[in-house]
Amino acid sequence: MKKLLPKILIALIVIAIGIQFIPVDTTNPPIENTVTWANPQTKEFFTNACADCHSNETVWPWYAKIAPVSWWISHHVEEGREHFNISVADMGDADEAYEAVHEGWMPLESYTWMHPKAKLTAEQKTEFVAGLKATFNVGQSTKEHESEDGHEGHEH
C-alpha cells in the first residue's frame, strides 16, 4: 500500500492538471433586451442576487476558470439563462421570478456562500418580490376590463 499511495497521488495530480485544459465558455452573449425596472432597488436586488445566472451580464469569478468548479458554475449559468434571462426578448419564466424568491428557491444557497450581497433579509425579500411583480406585470390582467354590470367589456 505504501508504494501504491504515491502513484495514486501522482495520478490525481496529473488528472487535476489535465482537466484544466477542458475549456469552459465564460463569455457573455450580446444583450438583446433591456428591462424597465419598477424601481432602482429592485434592479439592485436583481443585480446582486440574480443577474449572474439570469442575464447575459454574468460576472465570472476567478474560480470559474478552475475545473471542476468551472463546469458546475457554467452549468448553473446555462440552466439559469434557459429558464429566465432578462437579456433576451423572450425572457422565459419572468412571471415566476417573484415566486422563486418568495418561496426561497432563489437565490441558490450555494450562490449566496460566495456572494454575500445576494443574501436577502426578510424585509428585502418582501420588497424584492413586490418589485419583481411590478416590473414583470405579474397579477395584472391582460383581458379586457370588465364593465360595471360584471360582463366583459364589450360595447353594447
N, C-alpha and C. Protein backbone atom coordinates (compact mmCIF):
# COMPACT_ATOMS: atom_id res chain seq x y z
N MET A 1 0.83 -1.20 0.00
CA MET A 1 0.00 0.00 0.00
C MET A 1 0.87 1.25 0.00
N LYS A 2 2.00 1.22 0.72
CA LYS A 2 2.87 2.39 0.78
C LYS A 2 3.43 2.75 -0.59
N LYS A 3 3.67 1.74 -1.43
CA LYS A 3 4.20 2.01 -2.77
C LYS A 3 3.10 2.48 -3.73
N LEU A 4 1.87 2.08 -3.44
CA LEU A 4 0.75 2.44 -4.29
C LEU A 4 0.27 3.86 -4.03
N LEU A 5 0.36 4.33 -2.82
CA LEU A 5 -0.13 5.66 -2.45
C LEU A 5 0.53 6.79 -3.24
N PRO A 6 1.87 6.81 -3.39
CA PRO A 6 2.47 7.87 -4.19
C PRO A 6 2.02 7.84 -5.65
N LYS A 7 1.82 6.66 -6.20
CA LYS A 7 1.37 6.53 -7.59
C LYS A 7 -0.06 7.08 -7.75
N ILE A 8 -0.90 6.80 -6.78
CA ILE A 8 -2.28 7.31 -6.81
C ILE A 8 -2.26 8.83 -6.69
N LEU A 9 -1.43 9.34 -5.81
CA LEU A 9 -1.32 10.79 -5.62
C LEU A 9 -0.83 11.47 -6.90
N ILE A 10 0.17 10.90 -7.54
CA ILE A 10 0.70 11.46 -8.80
C ILE A 10 -0.39 11.41 -9.88
N ALA A 11 -1.12 10.32 -9.94
CA ALA A 11 -2.19 10.18 -10.94
C ALA A 11 -3.27 11.25 -10.71
N LEU A 12 -3.63 11.48 -9.45
CA LEU A 12 -4.64 12.50 -9.14
C LEU A 12 -4.15 13.90 -9.51
N ILE A 13 -2.89 14.18 -9.28
CA ILE A 13 -2.31 15.48 -9.64
C ILE A 13 -2.32 15.66 -11.15
N VAL A 14 -1.94 14.62 -11.88
CA VAL A 14 -1.93 14.69 -13.34
C VAL A 14 -3.35 14.91 -13.87
N ILE A 15 -4.32 14.21 -13.30
CA ILE A 15 -5.72 14.38 -13.71
C ILE A 15 -6.18 15.81 -13.39
N ALA A 16 -5.87 16.29 -12.19
CA ALA A 16 -6.28 17.65 -11.80
C ALA A 16 -5.69 18.70 -12.74
N ILE A 17 -4.46 18.51 -13.15
CA ILE A 17 -3.84 19.44 -14.11
C ILE A 17 -4.45 19.26 -15.49
N GLY A 18 -4.65 18.03 -15.89
CA GLY A 18 -5.19 17.74 -17.21
C GLY A 18 -6.58 18.31 -17.43
N ILE A 19 -7.45 18.24 -16.42
CA ILE A 19 -8.81 18.74 -16.62
C ILE A 19 -8.86 20.26 -16.76
N GLN A 20 -7.78 20.93 -16.40
CA GLN A 20 -7.75 22.39 -16.57
C GLN A 20 -7.73 22.78 -18.05
N PHE A 21 -7.40 21.83 -18.91
CA PHE A 21 -7.34 22.12 -20.35
C PHE A 21 -8.66 21.85 -21.06
N ILE A 22 -9.68 21.42 -20.31
CA ILE A 22 -11.02 21.25 -20.88
C ILE A 22 -11.69 22.62 -20.80
N PRO A 23 -11.94 23.23 -21.96
CA PRO A 23 -12.43 24.62 -21.95
C PRO A 23 -13.88 24.75 -21.46
N VAL A 24 -14.13 25.87 -20.80
CA VAL A 24 -15.47 26.25 -20.39
C VAL A 24 -15.68 27.66 -20.92
N ASP A 25 -16.78 27.86 -21.60
CA ASP A 25 -17.07 29.16 -22.19
C ASP A 25 -17.57 30.12 -21.11
N THR A 26 -16.81 31.17 -20.87
CA THR A 26 -17.20 32.17 -19.89
C THR A 26 -17.43 33.53 -20.56
N THR A 27 -17.80 33.48 -21.82
CA THR A 27 -18.15 34.73 -22.50
C THR A 27 -19.65 34.96 -22.35
N ASN A 28 -20.04 36.20 -22.41
CA ASN A 28 -21.45 36.54 -22.31
C ASN A 28 -22.01 36.85 -23.69
N PRO A 29 -23.16 36.27 -24.02
CA PRO A 29 -23.80 36.61 -25.29
C PRO A 29 -24.22 38.08 -25.29
N PRO A 30 -24.53 38.63 -26.46
CA PRO A 30 -24.95 40.03 -26.51
C PRO A 30 -26.28 40.25 -25.78
N ILE A 31 -26.47 41.46 -25.33
CA ILE A 31 -27.71 41.85 -24.66
C ILE A 31 -28.68 42.33 -25.73
N GLU A 32 -29.82 41.66 -25.82
CA GLU A 32 -30.82 41.98 -26.84
C GLU A 32 -32.04 42.68 -26.26
N ASN A 33 -32.14 42.73 -24.95
CA ASN A 33 -33.33 43.26 -24.29
C ASN A 33 -32.91 44.04 -23.04
N THR A 34 -33.62 45.10 -22.77
CA THR A 34 -33.37 45.88 -21.55
C THR A 34 -34.67 45.93 -20.76
N VAL A 35 -34.59 45.62 -19.50
CA VAL A 35 -35.76 45.63 -18.61
C VAL A 35 -35.97 47.03 -18.06
N THR A 36 -37.21 47.43 -17.99
CA THR A 36 -37.56 48.68 -17.30
C THR A 36 -37.98 48.28 -15.90
N TRP A 37 -37.11 48.52 -14.96
CA TRP A 37 -37.33 48.09 -13.58
C TRP A 37 -38.37 48.97 -12.90
N ALA A 38 -39.14 48.38 -12.01
CA ALA A 38 -40.17 49.11 -11.26
C ALA A 38 -39.55 50.22 -10.42
N ASN A 39 -38.33 49.96 -9.91
CA ASN A 39 -37.63 50.95 -9.10
C ASN A 39 -36.15 50.56 -9.02
N PRO A 40 -35.29 51.49 -8.64
CA PRO A 40 -33.85 51.20 -8.58
C PRO A 40 -33.49 50.08 -7.60
N GLN A 41 -34.25 49.96 -6.51
CA GLN A 41 -33.95 48.93 -5.50
C GLN A 41 -34.15 47.53 -6.08
N THR A 42 -35.21 47.35 -6.87
CA THR A 42 -35.46 46.04 -7.49
C THR A 42 -34.31 45.68 -8.43
N LYS A 43 -33.86 46.66 -9.20
CA LYS A 43 -32.73 46.42 -10.10
C LYS A 43 -31.48 46.03 -9.31
N GLU A 44 -31.24 46.72 -8.20
CA GLU A 44 -30.06 46.42 -7.37
C GLU A 44 -30.16 45.01 -6.77
N PHE A 45 -31.33 44.66 -6.24
CA PHE A 45 -31.50 43.31 -5.70
C PHE A 45 -31.27 42.27 -6.79
N PHE A 46 -31.83 42.51 -7.98
CA PHE A 46 -31.67 41.57 -9.09
C PHE A 46 -30.20 41.44 -9.47
N THR A 47 -29.52 42.56 -9.58
CA THR A 47 -28.11 42.56 -9.96
C THR A 47 -27.29 41.75 -8.94
N ASN A 48 -27.56 41.95 -7.66
CA ASN A 48 -26.80 41.28 -6.61
C ASN A 48 -27.14 39.81 -6.44
N ALA A 49 -28.41 39.45 -6.66
CA ALA A 49 -28.84 38.09 -6.32
C ALA A 49 -29.17 37.21 -7.52
N CYS A 50 -29.36 37.80 -8.72
CA CYS A 50 -29.89 37.00 -9.83
C CYS A 50 -29.13 37.14 -11.15
N ALA A 51 -28.56 38.31 -11.40
CA ALA A 51 -28.05 38.63 -12.74
C ALA A 51 -26.96 37.69 -13.24
N ASP A 52 -26.15 37.14 -12.35
CA ASP A 52 -25.07 36.27 -12.82
C ASP A 52 -25.59 35.03 -13.55
N CYS A 53 -26.77 34.57 -13.19
CA CYS A 53 -27.33 33.38 -13.84
C CYS A 53 -28.53 33.68 -14.72
N HIS A 54 -29.14 34.84 -14.56
CA HIS A 54 -30.38 35.13 -15.27
C HIS A 54 -30.27 36.36 -16.17
N SER A 55 -29.07 36.59 -16.69
CA SER A 55 -28.85 37.65 -17.66
C SER A 55 -27.62 37.29 -18.48
N ASN A 56 -27.35 38.10 -19.48
CA ASN A 56 -26.12 37.92 -20.25
C ASN A 56 -25.04 38.87 -19.74
N GLU A 57 -25.14 39.23 -18.47
CA GLU A 57 -24.17 40.12 -17.83
C GLU A 57 -23.49 39.42 -16.66
N THR A 58 -23.21 38.16 -16.84
CA THR A 58 -22.57 37.36 -15.79
C THR A 58 -21.19 37.92 -15.47
N VAL A 59 -20.93 38.09 -14.19
CA VAL A 59 -19.59 38.44 -13.73
C VAL A 59 -18.96 37.12 -13.32
N TRP A 60 -18.02 36.66 -14.14
CA TRP A 60 -17.41 35.35 -13.91
C TRP A 60 -16.27 35.51 -12.90
N PRO A 61 -16.38 34.88 -11.73
CA PRO A 61 -15.31 34.99 -10.73
C PRO A 61 -14.07 34.20 -11.17
N TRP A 62 -12.95 34.48 -10.55
CA TRP A 62 -11.70 33.81 -10.91
C TRP A 62 -11.81 32.29 -10.83
N TYR A 63 -12.57 31.80 -9.85
CA TYR A 63 -12.66 30.34 -9.67
C TYR A 63 -13.55 29.68 -10.72
N ALA A 64 -14.20 30.49 -11.57
CA ALA A 64 -15.00 29.94 -12.67
C ALA A 64 -14.10 29.46 -13.80
N LYS A 65 -12.81 29.59 -13.63
CA LYS A 65 -11.86 29.13 -14.64
C LYS A 65 -11.08 27.89 -14.17
N ILE A 66 -11.44 27.38 -13.00
CA ILE A 66 -10.73 26.23 -12.43
C ILE A 66 -11.67 25.02 -12.40
N ALA A 67 -11.32 24.02 -13.20
CA ALA A 67 -12.11 22.78 -13.24
C ALA A 67 -11.87 21.99 -11.95
N PRO A 68 -12.85 21.31 -11.46
CA PRO A 68 -14.19 21.06 -11.97
C PRO A 68 -15.22 22.11 -11.54
N VAL A 69 -14.83 23.08 -10.72
CA VAL A 69 -15.76 24.13 -10.28
C VAL A 69 -16.30 24.89 -11.49
N SER A 70 -15.46 25.11 -12.49
CA SER A 70 -15.87 25.84 -13.70
C SER A 70 -17.04 25.15 -14.39
N TRP A 71 -17.04 23.83 -14.42
CA TRP A 71 -18.11 23.07 -15.06
C TRP A 71 -19.43 23.29 -14.32
N TRP A 72 -19.35 23.25 -13.00
CA TRP A 72 -20.52 23.40 -12.14
C TRP A 72 -21.12 24.80 -12.32
N ILE A 73 -20.28 25.83 -12.27
CA ILE A 73 -20.76 27.20 -12.42
C ILE A 73 -21.33 27.43 -13.81
N SER A 74 -20.63 26.97 -14.82
CA SER A 74 -21.09 27.13 -16.20
C SER A 74 -22.45 26.46 -16.40
N HIS A 75 -22.62 25.29 -15.82
CA HIS A 75 -23.89 24.57 -15.91
C HIS A 75 -25.01 25.38 -15.26
N HIS A 76 -24.76 25.94 -14.08
CA HIS A 76 -25.77 26.75 -13.39
C HIS A 76 -26.17 27.96 -14.22
N VAL A 77 -25.19 28.62 -14.82
CA VAL A 77 -25.47 29.80 -15.64
C VAL A 77 -26.30 29.41 -16.86
N GLU A 78 -25.91 28.34 -17.55
CA GLU A 78 -26.66 27.87 -18.72
C GLU A 78 -28.10 27.54 -18.34
N GLU A 79 -28.25 26.81 -17.25
CA GLU A 79 -29.58 26.40 -16.81
C GLU A 79 -30.41 27.62 -16.39
N GLY A 80 -29.79 28.53 -15.69
CA GLY A 80 -30.49 29.74 -15.26
C GLY A 80 -30.97 30.56 -16.44
N ARG A 81 -30.11 30.74 -17.43
CA ARG A 81 -30.48 31.50 -18.63
C ARG A 81 -31.58 30.81 -19.43
N GLU A 82 -31.57 29.48 -19.43
CA GLU A 82 -32.62 28.73 -20.14
C GLU A 82 -34.00 29.01 -19.58
N HIS A 83 -34.11 29.08 -18.26
CA HIS A 83 -35.40 29.27 -17.61
C HIS A 83 -35.86 30.72 -17.61
N PHE A 84 -34.91 31.63 -17.40
CA PHE A 84 -35.27 33.04 -17.26
C PHE A 84 -34.03 33.87 -17.53
N ASN A 85 -34.11 34.73 -18.55
CA ASN A 85 -32.95 35.55 -18.93
C ASN A 85 -33.46 36.92 -19.35
N ILE A 86 -33.16 37.93 -18.56
CA ILE A 86 -33.66 39.28 -18.84
C ILE A 86 -32.99 39.92 -20.05
N SER A 87 -31.92 39.33 -20.55
CA SER A 87 -31.16 39.92 -21.65
C SER A 87 -31.65 39.54 -23.03
N VAL A 88 -32.69 38.72 -23.10
CA VAL A 88 -33.24 38.31 -24.40
C VAL A 88 -34.71 38.70 -24.46
N ALA A 89 -35.22 38.86 -25.68
CA ALA A 89 -36.60 39.30 -25.87
C ALA A 89 -37.61 38.35 -25.22
N ASP A 90 -37.44 37.05 -25.42
CA ASP A 90 -38.31 36.07 -24.78
C ASP A 90 -37.63 35.66 -23.47
N MET A 91 -37.93 36.39 -22.43
CA MET A 91 -37.22 36.21 -21.15
C MET A 91 -37.46 34.85 -20.50
N GLY A 92 -38.49 34.15 -20.89
CA GLY A 92 -38.78 32.88 -20.25
C GLY A 92 -39.72 33.08 -19.08
N ASP A 93 -39.40 32.49 -17.95
CA ASP A 93 -40.28 32.45 -16.79
C ASP A 93 -40.26 33.73 -15.94
N ALA A 94 -40.35 34.89 -16.58
CA ALA A 94 -40.33 36.16 -15.85
C ALA A 94 -41.46 36.24 -14.85
N ASP A 95 -42.63 35.71 -15.21
CA ASP A 95 -43.78 35.79 -14.31
C ASP A 95 -43.63 34.89 -13.09
N GLU A 96 -42.64 34.02 -13.09
CA GLU A 96 -42.40 33.15 -11.94
C GLU A 96 -41.19 33.58 -11.11
N ALA A 97 -40.51 34.62 -11.54
CA ALA A 97 -39.31 35.07 -10.83
C ALA A 97 -39.62 35.44 -9.39
N TYR A 98 -40.71 36.18 -9.21
CA TYR A 98 -41.07 36.59 -7.85
C TYR A 98 -41.33 35.38 -6.96
N GLU A 99 -41.98 34.35 -7.53
CA GLU A 99 -42.31 33.16 -6.76
C GLU A 99 -41.05 32.43 -6.29
N ALA A 100 -40.06 32.36 -7.17
CA ALA A 100 -38.80 31.69 -6.82
C ALA A 100 -38.13 32.39 -5.64
N VAL A 101 -38.21 33.71 -5.61
CA VAL A 101 -37.62 34.46 -4.49
C VAL A 101 -38.50 34.30 -3.25
N HIS A 102 -39.80 34.47 -3.43
CA HIS A 102 -40.75 34.37 -2.31
C HIS A 102 -40.67 33.01 -1.62
N GLU A 103 -40.59 31.95 -2.41
CA GLU A 103 -40.56 30.59 -1.85
C GLU A 103 -39.17 30.19 -1.35
N GLY A 104 -38.16 31.01 -1.63
CA GLY A 104 -36.81 30.71 -1.14
C GLY A 104 -36.00 29.81 -2.05
N TRP A 105 -36.49 29.54 -3.26
CA TRP A 105 -35.73 28.70 -4.21
C TRP A 105 -34.54 29.48 -4.74
N MET A 106 -34.72 30.79 -4.85
CA MET A 106 -33.68 31.66 -5.39
C MET A 106 -33.45 32.82 -4.44
N PRO A 107 -32.25 33.33 -4.35
CA PRO A 107 -31.06 32.79 -4.97
C PRO A 107 -30.63 31.48 -4.30
N LEU A 108 -29.94 30.67 -5.07
CA LEU A 108 -29.47 29.39 -4.54
C LEU A 108 -28.54 29.61 -3.35
N GLU A 109 -28.67 28.76 -2.36
CA GLU A 109 -27.81 28.87 -1.19
C GLU A 109 -26.34 28.74 -1.58
N SER A 110 -26.05 27.88 -2.54
CA SER A 110 -24.66 27.71 -2.99
C SER A 110 -24.12 29.00 -3.60
N TYR A 111 -25.00 29.83 -4.16
CA TYR A 111 -24.58 31.12 -4.73
C TYR A 111 -24.31 32.13 -3.62
N THR A 112 -25.16 32.14 -2.62
CA THR A 112 -25.00 33.14 -1.55
C THR A 112 -23.76 32.90 -0.69
N TRP A 113 -23.21 31.70 -0.71
CA TRP A 113 -21.98 31.44 0.04
C TRP A 113 -20.86 32.38 -0.41
N MET A 114 -20.74 32.53 -1.72
CA MET A 114 -19.64 33.33 -2.27
C MET A 114 -20.08 34.75 -2.65
N HIS A 115 -21.36 35.04 -2.51
CA HIS A 115 -21.89 36.35 -2.89
C HIS A 115 -22.76 36.87 -1.75
N PRO A 116 -22.16 37.43 -0.72
CA PRO A 116 -22.93 37.88 0.45
C PRO A 116 -24.00 38.92 0.13
N LYS A 117 -23.81 39.72 -0.92
CA LYS A 117 -24.83 40.71 -1.29
C LYS A 117 -26.11 40.04 -1.78
N ALA A 118 -26.02 38.78 -2.15
CA ALA A 118 -27.19 38.05 -2.64
C ALA A 118 -28.09 37.57 -1.51
N LYS A 119 -27.58 37.58 -0.28
CA LYS A 119 -28.40 37.17 0.86
C LYS A 119 -29.35 38.30 1.18
N LEU A 120 -30.64 37.97 1.19
CA LEU A 120 -31.67 38.98 1.43
C LEU A 120 -32.29 38.79 2.80
N THR A 121 -32.47 39.90 3.51
CA THR A 121 -33.21 39.84 4.76
C THR A 121 -34.68 39.62 4.42
N ALA A 122 -35.49 39.30 5.41
CA ALA A 122 -36.92 39.10 5.18
C ALA A 122 -37.55 40.37 4.58
N GLU A 123 -37.16 41.51 5.09
CA GLU A 123 -37.69 42.78 4.59
C GLU A 123 -37.27 43.02 3.14
N GLN A 124 -35.99 42.77 2.83
CA GLN A 124 -35.50 42.94 1.46
C GLN A 124 -36.21 41.98 0.51
N LYS A 125 -36.41 40.76 0.97
CA LYS A 125 -37.08 39.75 0.16
C LYS A 125 -38.50 40.20 -0.19
N THR A 126 -39.23 40.72 0.80
CA THR A 126 -40.59 41.21 0.58
C THR A 126 -40.59 42.36 -0.42
N GLU A 127 -39.66 43.29 -0.25
CA GLU A 127 -39.55 44.43 -1.16
C GLU A 127 -39.17 43.96 -2.57
N PHE A 128 -38.25 43.00 -2.66
CA PHE A 128 -37.81 42.49 -3.95
C PHE A 128 -38.95 41.78 -4.68
N VAL A 129 -39.70 40.94 -3.96
CA VAL A 129 -40.83 40.22 -4.56
C VAL A 129 -41.84 41.22 -5.13
N ALA A 130 -42.17 42.26 -4.36
CA ALA A 130 -43.11 43.27 -4.84
C ALA A 130 -42.56 43.97 -6.08
N GLY A 131 -41.26 44.26 -6.06
CA GLY A 131 -40.63 44.92 -7.20
C GLY A 131 -40.61 44.04 -8.44
N LEU A 132 -40.39 42.74 -8.26
CA LEU A 132 -40.42 41.82 -9.41
C LEU A 132 -41.82 41.72 -9.99
N LYS A 133 -42.83 41.65 -9.11
CA LYS A 133 -44.22 41.61 -9.59
C LYS A 133 -44.53 42.86 -10.40
N ALA A 134 -44.13 44.01 -9.90
CA ALA A 134 -44.41 45.27 -10.60
C ALA A 134 -43.62 45.35 -11.91
N THR A 135 -42.37 44.94 -11.88
CA THR A 135 -41.53 45.01 -13.09
C THR A 135 -42.08 44.13 -14.20
N PHE A 136 -42.49 42.92 -13.86
CA PHE A 136 -42.92 41.97 -14.88
C PHE A 136 -44.44 41.88 -14.99
N ASN A 137 -45.15 42.87 -14.42
CA ASN A 137 -46.61 42.97 -14.51
C ASN A 137 -47.32 41.69 -14.09
N VAL A 138 -46.87 41.09 -13.03
CA VAL A 138 -47.48 39.86 -12.54
C VAL A 138 -48.76 40.22 -11.78
N GLY A 139 -49.84 39.54 -12.11
CA GLY A 139 -51.10 39.76 -11.41
C GLY A 139 -51.96 40.82 -12.08
N GLN A 140 -51.44 41.49 -13.08
CA GLN A 140 -52.24 42.47 -13.80
C GLN A 140 -52.89 41.78 -14.99
N SER A 141 -54.18 41.88 -15.07
CA SER A 141 -54.94 41.20 -16.13
C SER A 141 -54.66 41.83 -17.48
N THR A 142 -54.53 40.97 -18.48
CA THR A 142 -54.37 41.46 -19.84
C THR A 142 -55.70 41.34 -20.60
N LYS A 143 -56.74 40.82 -19.91
CA LYS A 143 -58.06 40.69 -20.52
C LYS A 143 -58.69 42.07 -20.61
N GLU A 144 -59.70 42.14 -21.42
CA GLU A 144 -60.46 43.37 -21.49
C GLU A 144 -61.06 43.65 -20.12
N HIS A 145 -61.15 44.89 -19.75
CA HIS A 145 -61.69 45.22 -18.43
C HIS A 145 -63.17 44.85 -18.37
N GLU A 146 -63.60 44.52 -17.17
CA GLU A 146 -65.00 44.17 -17.00
C GLU A 146 -65.81 45.44 -16.85
N SER A 147 -67.00 45.41 -17.38
CA SER A 147 -67.88 46.56 -17.24
C SER A 147 -68.50 46.55 -15.86
N GLU A 148 -69.18 47.62 -15.54
CA GLU A 148 -69.77 47.74 -14.21
C GLU A 148 -70.80 46.66 -13.93
N ASP A 149 -71.46 46.15 -14.95
CA ASP A 149 -72.51 45.14 -14.70
C ASP A 149 -71.91 43.73 -14.59
N GLY A 150 -70.58 43.63 -14.60
CA GLY A 150 -69.94 42.34 -14.37
C GLY A 150 -69.65 41.56 -15.64
N HIS A 151 -70.11 42.05 -16.79
CA HIS A 151 -69.84 41.38 -18.05
C HIS A 151 -68.53 41.89 -18.61
N GLU A 152 -67.91 41.07 -19.42
CA GLU A 152 -66.67 41.51 -20.03
C GLU A 152 -66.93 42.75 -20.86
N GLY A 153 -65.95 43.63 -20.92
CA GLY A 153 -66.09 44.93 -21.54
C GLY A 153 -66.26 44.90 -23.04
N HIS A 154 -67.46 44.73 -23.51
CA HIS A 154 -67.77 44.85 -24.92
C HIS A 154 -68.71 46.03 -25.07
N GLU A 155 -68.64 46.69 -26.17
CA GLU A 155 -69.54 47.81 -26.40
C GLU A 155 -70.94 47.29 -26.59
N HIS A 156 -71.92 47.88 -25.95
CA HIS A 156 -73.33 47.48 -26.09
C HIS A 156 -74.04 48.43 -26.99
